[in-house]
Amino acid sequence: MKNKCVFLDRDGVLNADEQYYTYRLEDVILLDGVPEALRLLKEAGYLLIVITNQAGIAKGDYEAADVRAVHQLMQELCGVTLDDLYFSPHHPDYSSQSLRRKPDSLMIEKAMAKHRIDPAQSWMIGDRMSDVEAGKKAGVRTVLIRKSEDVSSEPDFQAADLLTAAKLITSSVETDSV
């Protein structure tokens, strides 16, 4: 049997995205409703996998260990296990082009293979069009956390925040309406 999954962008979905990059533990600020949203998705049987671009590594601003430390702290603050973390340390201006960087879908595809994930039962939640595009390329449904960015690629759904998105996803499973 294949697993169902919610892929989550990090900055702007799980934590406040007010900094240049969030890589110091003291700068981690969870957004309202995030712990409740993650618990709701876990209780509904979803794997939770973070898919994030971390271009600050390519720029030399921080290291991969900093990304992992922030990930660990987020799990502790939420009281929820995030099943995996995939991050792209690349930036086109500072390192070679990479298919791992969103909007390409390689990080999601690798996670699907590793965790035996069924794309038809899975979702990508992000706050940028690159998240939506990566999810669509990987064949999963998408939810855009709506900000002021123009919508150039149509997400399947839009939500004000992660908790609203989690309720949408879990209610669609219960009612089979999506």
C-alpha atoms as a PDB file:
ATOM      1  CA  MET A   1       0.000   0.000   0.000  1.00  0.00           C
ATOM      2  CA  LYS A   2       1.257   3.455  -0.868  1.00  0.00           C
ATOM      3  CA  ASN A   3       1.330   6.335   1.597  1.00  0.00           C
ATOM      4  CA  LYS A   4      -0.411   9.673   1.362  1.00  0.00           C
ATOM      5  CA  CYS A   5       1.605  12.784   2.086  1.00  0.00           C
ATOM      6  CA  VAL A   6       1.407  16.516   2.554  1.00  0.00           C
ATOM      7  CA  PHE A   7       4.543  18.213   1.283  1.00  0.00           C
ATOM      8  CA  LEU A   8       5.135  21.507   3.058  1.00  0.00           C
ATOM      9  CA  ASP A   9       7.176  24.508   2.089  1.00  0.00           C
ATOM     10  CA  ARG A  10       8.896  25.883   5.196  1.00  0.00           C
ATOM     11  CA  ASP A  11       9.366  29.653   5.201  1.00  0.00           C
ATOM     12  CA  GLY A  12       6.022  31.442   4.984  1.00  0.00           C
ATOM     13  CA  VAL A  13       4.021  28.253   5.621  1.00  0.00           C
ATOM     14  CA  LEU A  14       5.389  26.829   8.882  1.00  0.00           C
ATOM     15  CA  ASN A  15       7.359  29.801  10.160  1.00  0.00           C
ATOM     16  CA  ALA A  16       7.233  33.553   9.709  1.00  0.00           C
ATOM     17  CA  ASP A  17       9.188  34.623   6.650  1.00  0.00           C
ATOM     18  CA  GLU A  18      10.191  38.087   7.827  1.00  0.00           C
ATOM     19  CA  GLN A  19      13.957  37.564   7.839  1.00  0.00           C
ATOM     20  CA  TYR A  20      16.398  37.406   4.959  1.00  0.00           C
ATOM     21  CA  TYR A  21      16.558  33.664   5.707  1.00  0.00           C
ATOM     22  CA  THR A  22      15.509  31.824   8.854  1.00  0.00           C
ATOM     23  CA  TYR A  23      18.567  29.874   9.904  1.00  0.00           C
ATOM     24  CA  ARG A  24      19.211  30.962  13.501  1.00  0.00           C
ATOM     25  CA  LEU A  25      17.173  29.170  16.159  1.00  0.00           C
ATOM     26  CA  GLU A  26      16.315  32.437  17.911  1.00  0.00           C
ATOM     27  CA  ASP A  27      14.652  33.695  14.705  1.00  0.00           C
ATOM     28  CA  VAL A  28      12.186  30.788  14.408  1.00  0.00           C
ATOM     29  CA  ILE A  29       8.624  32.044  14.855  1.00  0.00           C
ATOM     30  CA  LEU A  30       5.899  29.508  14.106  1.00  0.00           C
ATOM     31  CA  LEU A  31       2.875  30.913  12.342  1.00  0.00           C
ATOM     32  CA  ASP A  32      -0.476  30.783  14.134  1.00  0.00           C
ATOM     33  CA  GLY A  33      -2.238  27.438  13.912  1.00  0.00           C
ATOM     34  CA  VAL A  34       0.773  25.482  12.628  1.00  0.00           C
ATOM     35  CA  PRO A  35       0.982  22.916  15.481  1.00  0.00           C
ATOM     36  CA  GLU A  36      -2.772  22.268  15.279  1.00  0.00           C
ATOM     37  CA  ALA A  37      -2.628  21.958  11.480  1.00  0.00           C
ATOM     38  CA  LEU A  38       0.232  19.452  11.590  1.00  0.00           C
ATOM     39  CA  ARG A  39      -1.541  17.364  14.258  1.00  0.00           C
ATOM     40  CA  LEU A  40      -4.734  17.383  12.177  1.00  0.00           C
ATOM     41  CA  LEU A  41      -2.871  16.124   9.101  1.00  0.00           C
ATOM     42  CA  LYS A  42      -0.975  13.478  11.115  1.00  0.00           C
ATOM     43  CA  GLU A  43      -4.218  12.223  12.685  1.00  0.00           C
ATOM     44  CA  ALA A  44      -5.661  11.907   9.163  1.00  0.00           C
ATOM     45  CA  GLY A  45      -2.773   9.573   8.273  1.00  0.00           C
ATOM     46  CA  TYR A  46      -0.604  11.880   6.175  1.00  0.00           C
ATOM     47  CA  LEU A  47       3.161  11.788   6.096  1.00  0.00           C
ATOM     48  CA  LEU A  48       4.517  15.315   6.547  1.00  0.00           C
ATOM     49  CA  ILE A  49       7.586  16.157   4.473  1.00  0.00           C
ATOM     50  CA  VAL A  50       9.207  19.576   4.268  1.00  0.00           C
ATOM     51  CA  ILE A  51      10.394  20.662   0.798  1.00  0.00           C
ATOM     52  CA  THR A  52      12.344  23.925   0.913  1.00  0.00           C
ATOM     53  CA  ASN A  53      14.759  26.015  -1.131  1.00  0.00           C
ATOM     54  CA  GLN A  54      17.627  27.230   1.050  1.00  0.00           C
ATOM     55  CA  ALA A  55      19.673  29.448  -1.254  1.00  0.00           C
ATOM     56  CA  GLY A  56      21.466  31.045   1.684  1.00  0.00           C
ATOM     57  CA  ILE A  57      23.704  27.970   1.773  1.00  0.00           C
ATOM     58  CA  ALA A  58      24.932  28.668  -1.773  1.00  0.00           C
ATOM     59  CA  LYS A  59      25.464  32.302  -0.822  1.00  0.00           C
ATOM     60  CA  GLY A  60      27.605  31.227   2.146  1.00  0.00           C
ATOM     61  CA  ASP A  61      25.269  32.762   4.733  1.00  0.00           C
ATOM     62  CA  TYR A  62      24.716  29.521   6.666  1.00  0.00           C
ATOM     63  CA  GLU A  63      25.245  25.766   6.428  1.00  0.00           C
ATOM     64  CA  ALA A  64      23.122  22.655   5.962  1.00  0.00           C
ATOM     65  CA  ALA A  65      23.500  21.927   9.691  1.00  0.00           C
ATOM     66  CA  ASP A  66      21.650  25.187  10.420  1.00  0.00           C
ATOM     67  CA  VAL A  67      18.709  24.075   8.242  1.00  0.00           C
ATOM     68  CA  ARG A  68      18.568  20.737  10.069  1.00  0.00           C
ATOM     69  CA  ALA A  69      18.709  22.466  13.478  1.00  0.00           C
ATOM     70  CA  VAL A  70      15.788  24.749  12.558  1.00  0.00           C
ATOM     71  CA  HIS A  71      13.859  21.679  11.338  1.00  0.00           C
ATOM     72  CA  GLN A  72      14.483  19.898  14.651  1.00  0.00           C
ATOM     73  CA  LEU A  73      13.380  22.938  16.656  1.00  0.00           C
ATOM     74  CA  MET A  74      10.172  23.248  14.621  1.00  0.00           C
ATOM     75  CA  GLN A  75       9.309  19.635  15.422  1.00  0.00           C
ATOM     76  CA  GLU A  76       9.900  20.279  19.121  1.00  0.00           C
ATOM     77  CA  LEU A  77       7.822  23.470  19.119  1.00  0.00           C
ATOM     78  CA  CYS A  78       4.962  21.752  17.263  1.00  0.00           C
ATOM     79  CA  GLY A  79       5.079  18.484  19.169  1.00  0.00           C
ATOM     80  CA  VAL A  80       4.745  16.689  15.824  1.00  0.00           C
ATOM     81  CA  THR A  81       7.224  14.527  13.945  1.00  0.00           C
ATOM     82  CA  LEU A  82       7.932  15.792  10.462  1.00  0.00           C
ATOM     83  CA  ASP A  83       8.698  12.633   8.505  1.00  0.00           C
ATOM     84  CA  ASP A  84      11.492  14.009   6.347  1.00  0.00           C
ATOM     85  CA  LEU A  85      13.246  17.137   5.167  1.00  0.00           C
ATOM     86  CA  TYR A  86      14.423  17.861   1.634  1.00  0.00           C
ATOM     87  CA  PHE A  87      16.197  21.110   0.902  1.00  0.00           C
ATOM     88  CA  SER A  88      17.977  22.578  -2.070  1.00  0.00           C
ATOM     89  CA  PRO A  89      21.178  24.412  -1.135  1.00  0.00           C
ATOM     90  CA  HIS A  90      21.448  25.883  -4.638  1.00  0.00           C
ATOM     91  CA  HIS A  91      20.920  29.339  -6.086  1.00  0.00           C
ATOM     92  CA  PRO A  92      21.328  30.018  -9.820  1.00  0.00           C
ATOM     93  CA  ASP A  93      23.455  33.121  -9.201  1.00  0.00           C
ATOM     94  CA  TYR A  94      25.809  31.463  -6.697  1.00  0.00           C
ATOM     95  CA  SER A  95      26.022  27.805  -7.705  1.00  0.00           C
ATOM     96  CA  SER A  96      25.180  25.549 -10.600  1.00  0.00           C
ATOM     97  CA  GLN A  97      21.627  25.142 -11.836  1.00  0.00           C
ATOM     98  CA  SER A  98      19.872  22.324 -10.045  1.00  0.00           C
ATOM     99  CA  LEU A  99      16.730  20.317 -10.688  1.00  0.00           C
ATOM    100  CA  ARG A 100      16.419  20.010  -6.905  1.00  0.00           C
ATOM    101  CA  ARG A 101      15.444  23.652  -6.598  1.00  0.00           C
ATOM    102  CA  LYS A 102      11.722  24.449  -6.798  1.00  0.00           C
ATOM    103  CA  PRO A 103       9.908  25.039  -9.149  1.00  0.00           C
ATOM    104  CA  ASP A 104      11.459  21.783 -10.356  1.00  0.00           C
ATOM    105  CA  SER A 105       9.982  18.720  -8.703  1.00  0.00           C
ATOM    106  CA  LEU A 106      13.017  16.510  -8.051  1.00  0.00           C
ATOM    107  CA  MET A 107      12.876  16.894  -4.247  1.00  0.00           C
ATOM    108  CA  ILE A 108       9.224  15.817  -4.223  1.00  0.00           C
ATOM    109  CA  GLU A 109       9.884  12.954  -6.647  1.00  0.00           C
ATOM    110  CA  LYS A 110      12.774  11.657  -4.502  1.00  0.00           C
ATOM    111  CA  ALA A 111      10.570  11.798  -1.401  1.00  0.00           C
ATOM    112  CA  MET A 112       7.771   9.952  -3.219  1.00  0.00           C
ATOM    113  CA  ALA A 113      10.141   7.151  -4.211  1.00  0.00           C
ATOM    114  CA  LYS A 114      11.766   6.862  -0.777  1.00  0.00           C
ATOM    115  CA  HIS A 115       8.499   6.895   1.197  1.00  0.00           C
ATOM    116  CA  ARG A 116       6.321   5.013  -1.332  1.00  0.00           C
ATOM    117  CA  ILE A 117       3.945   7.941  -1.735  1.00  0.00           C
ATOM    118  CA  ASP A 118       0.859   7.908  -3.932  1.00  0.00           C
ATOM    119  CA  PRO A 119       0.700  11.270  -5.742  1.00  0.00           C
ATOM    120  CA  ALA A 120      -3.067  10.917  -6.248  1.00  0.00           C
ATOM    121  CA  GLN A 121      -3.527  11.038  -2.459  1.00  0.00           C
ATOM    122  CA  SER A 122      -0.946  13.738  -1.803  1.00  0.00           C
ATOM    123  CA  TRP A 123      -0.668  17.514  -1.605  1.00  0.00           C
ATOM    124  CA  MET A 124       1.886  20.325  -1.777  1.00  0.00           C
ATOM    125  CA  ILE A 125       1.239  23.397   0.387  1.00  0.00           C
ATOM    126  CA  GLY A 126       3.300  26.500  -0.310  1.00  0.00           C
ATOM    127  CA  ASP A 127       3.190  30.262  -0.301  1.00  0.00           C
ATOM    128  CA  ARG A 128       4.879  30.861  -3.663  1.00  0.00           C
ATOM    129  CA  MET A 129       4.092  29.922  -7.225  1.00  0.00           C
ATOM    130  CA  SER A 130       7.322  27.890  -7.343  1.00  0.00           C
ATOM    131  CA  ASP A 131       5.752  25.584  -4.715  1.00  0.00           C
ATOM    132  CA  VAL A 132       2.585  25.208  -6.786  1.00  0.00           C
ATOM    133  CA  GLU A 133       4.586  24.536  -9.953  1.00  0.00           C
ATOM    134  CA  ALA A 134       6.742  21.899  -8.224  1.00  0.00           C
ATOM    135  CA  GLY A 135       3.647  20.166  -6.867  1.00  0.00           C
ATOM    136  CA  LYS A 136       1.925  20.162 -10.246  1.00  0.00           C
ATOM    137  CA  LYS A 137       5.033  18.755 -11.966  1.00  0.00           C
ATOM    138  CA  ALA A 138       5.111  15.959  -9.372  1.00  0.00           C
ATOM    139  CA  GLY A 139       1.429  15.171  -9.951  1.00  0.00           C
ATOM    140  CA  VAL A 140       0.084  16.140  -6.513  1.00  0.00           C
ATOM    141  CA  ARG A 141      -2.739  18.525  -5.677  1.00  0.00           C
ATOM    142  CA  THR A 142      -1.679  21.972  -4.559  1.00  0.00           C
ATOM    143  CA  VAL A 143      -2.745  24.573  -2.031  1.00  0.00           C
ATOM    144  CA  LEU A 144      -1.385  28.105  -2.233  1.00  0.00           C
ATOM    145  CA  ILE A 145      -1.180  30.002   1.034  1.00  0.00           C
ATOM    146  CA  ARG A 146      -2.433  33.265  -0.385  1.00  0.00           C
ATOM    147  CA  LYS A 147      -0.243  36.303  -0.166  1.00  0.00           C
ATOM    148  CA  SER A 148       0.085  39.240  -2.525  1.00  0.00           C
ATOM    149  CA  GLU A 149       2.018  37.332  -5.209  1.00  0.00           C
ATOM    150  CA  ASP A 150       0.340  37.103  -8.599  1.00  0.00           C
ATOM    151  CA  VAL A 151      -1.019  33.682  -9.433  1.00  0.00           C
ATOM    152  CA  SER A 152       0.651  32.693 -12.702  1.00  0.00           C
ATOM    153  CA  SER A 153       0.100  28.942 -12.314  1.00  0.00           C
ATOM    154  CA  GLU A 154      -3.304  27.957 -11.047  1.00  0.00           C
ATOM    155  CA  PRO A 155      -3.197  26.121  -7.700  1.00  0.00           C
ATOM    156  CA  ASP A 156      -5.904  23.543  -7.053  1.00  0.00           C
ATOM    157  CA  PHE A 157      -6.957  25.486  -3.939  1.00  0.00           C
ATOM    158  CA  GLN A 158      -6.035  28.626  -2.022  1.00  0.00           C
ATOM    159  CA  ALA A 159      -6.073  29.109   1.742  1.00  0.00           C
ATOM    160  CA  ALA A 160      -5.317  31.915   4.168  1.00  0.00           C
ATOM    161  CA  ASP A 161      -2.959  29.797   6.284  1.00  0.00           C
ATOM    162  CA  LEU A 162      -1.784  26.258   6.999  1.00  0.00           C
ATOM    163  CA  LEU A 163      -4.611  25.471   9.420  1.00  0.00           C
ATOM    164  CA  THR A 164      -7.227  26.425   6.814  1.00  0.00           C
ATOM    165  CA  ALA A 165      -5.376  24.290   4.248  1.00  0.00           C
ATOM    166  CA  ALA A 166      -5.207  21.331   6.667  1.00  0.00           C
ATOM    167  CA  LYS A 167      -8.944  21.552   7.323  1.00  0.00           C
ATOM    168  CA  LEU A 168      -9.601  21.686   3.581  1.00  0.00           C
ATOM    169  CA  ILE A 169      -7.436  18.614   2.959  1.00  0.00           C
ATOM    170  CA  THR A 170      -8.848  16.540   5.812  1.00  0.00           C
ATOM    171  CA  SER A 171     -12.449  17.473   5.014  1.00  0.00           C
ATOM    172  CA  SER A 172     -11.928  16.567   1.356  1.00  0.00           C
ATOM    173  CA  VAL A 173     -10.726  13.133   2.435  1.00  0.00           C
ATOM    174  CA  GLU A 174     -13.720  12.640   4.724  1.00  0.00           C
ATOM    175  CA  THR A 175     -16.264  13.796   2.144  1.00  0.00           C
ATOM    176  CA  ASP A 176     -14.342  12.585  -0.908  1.00  0.00           C
ATOM    177  CA  SER A 177     -15.236  15.889  -2.581  1.00  0.00           C
ATOM    178  CA  VAL A 178     -11.844  16.730  -4.053  1.00  0.00           C
END
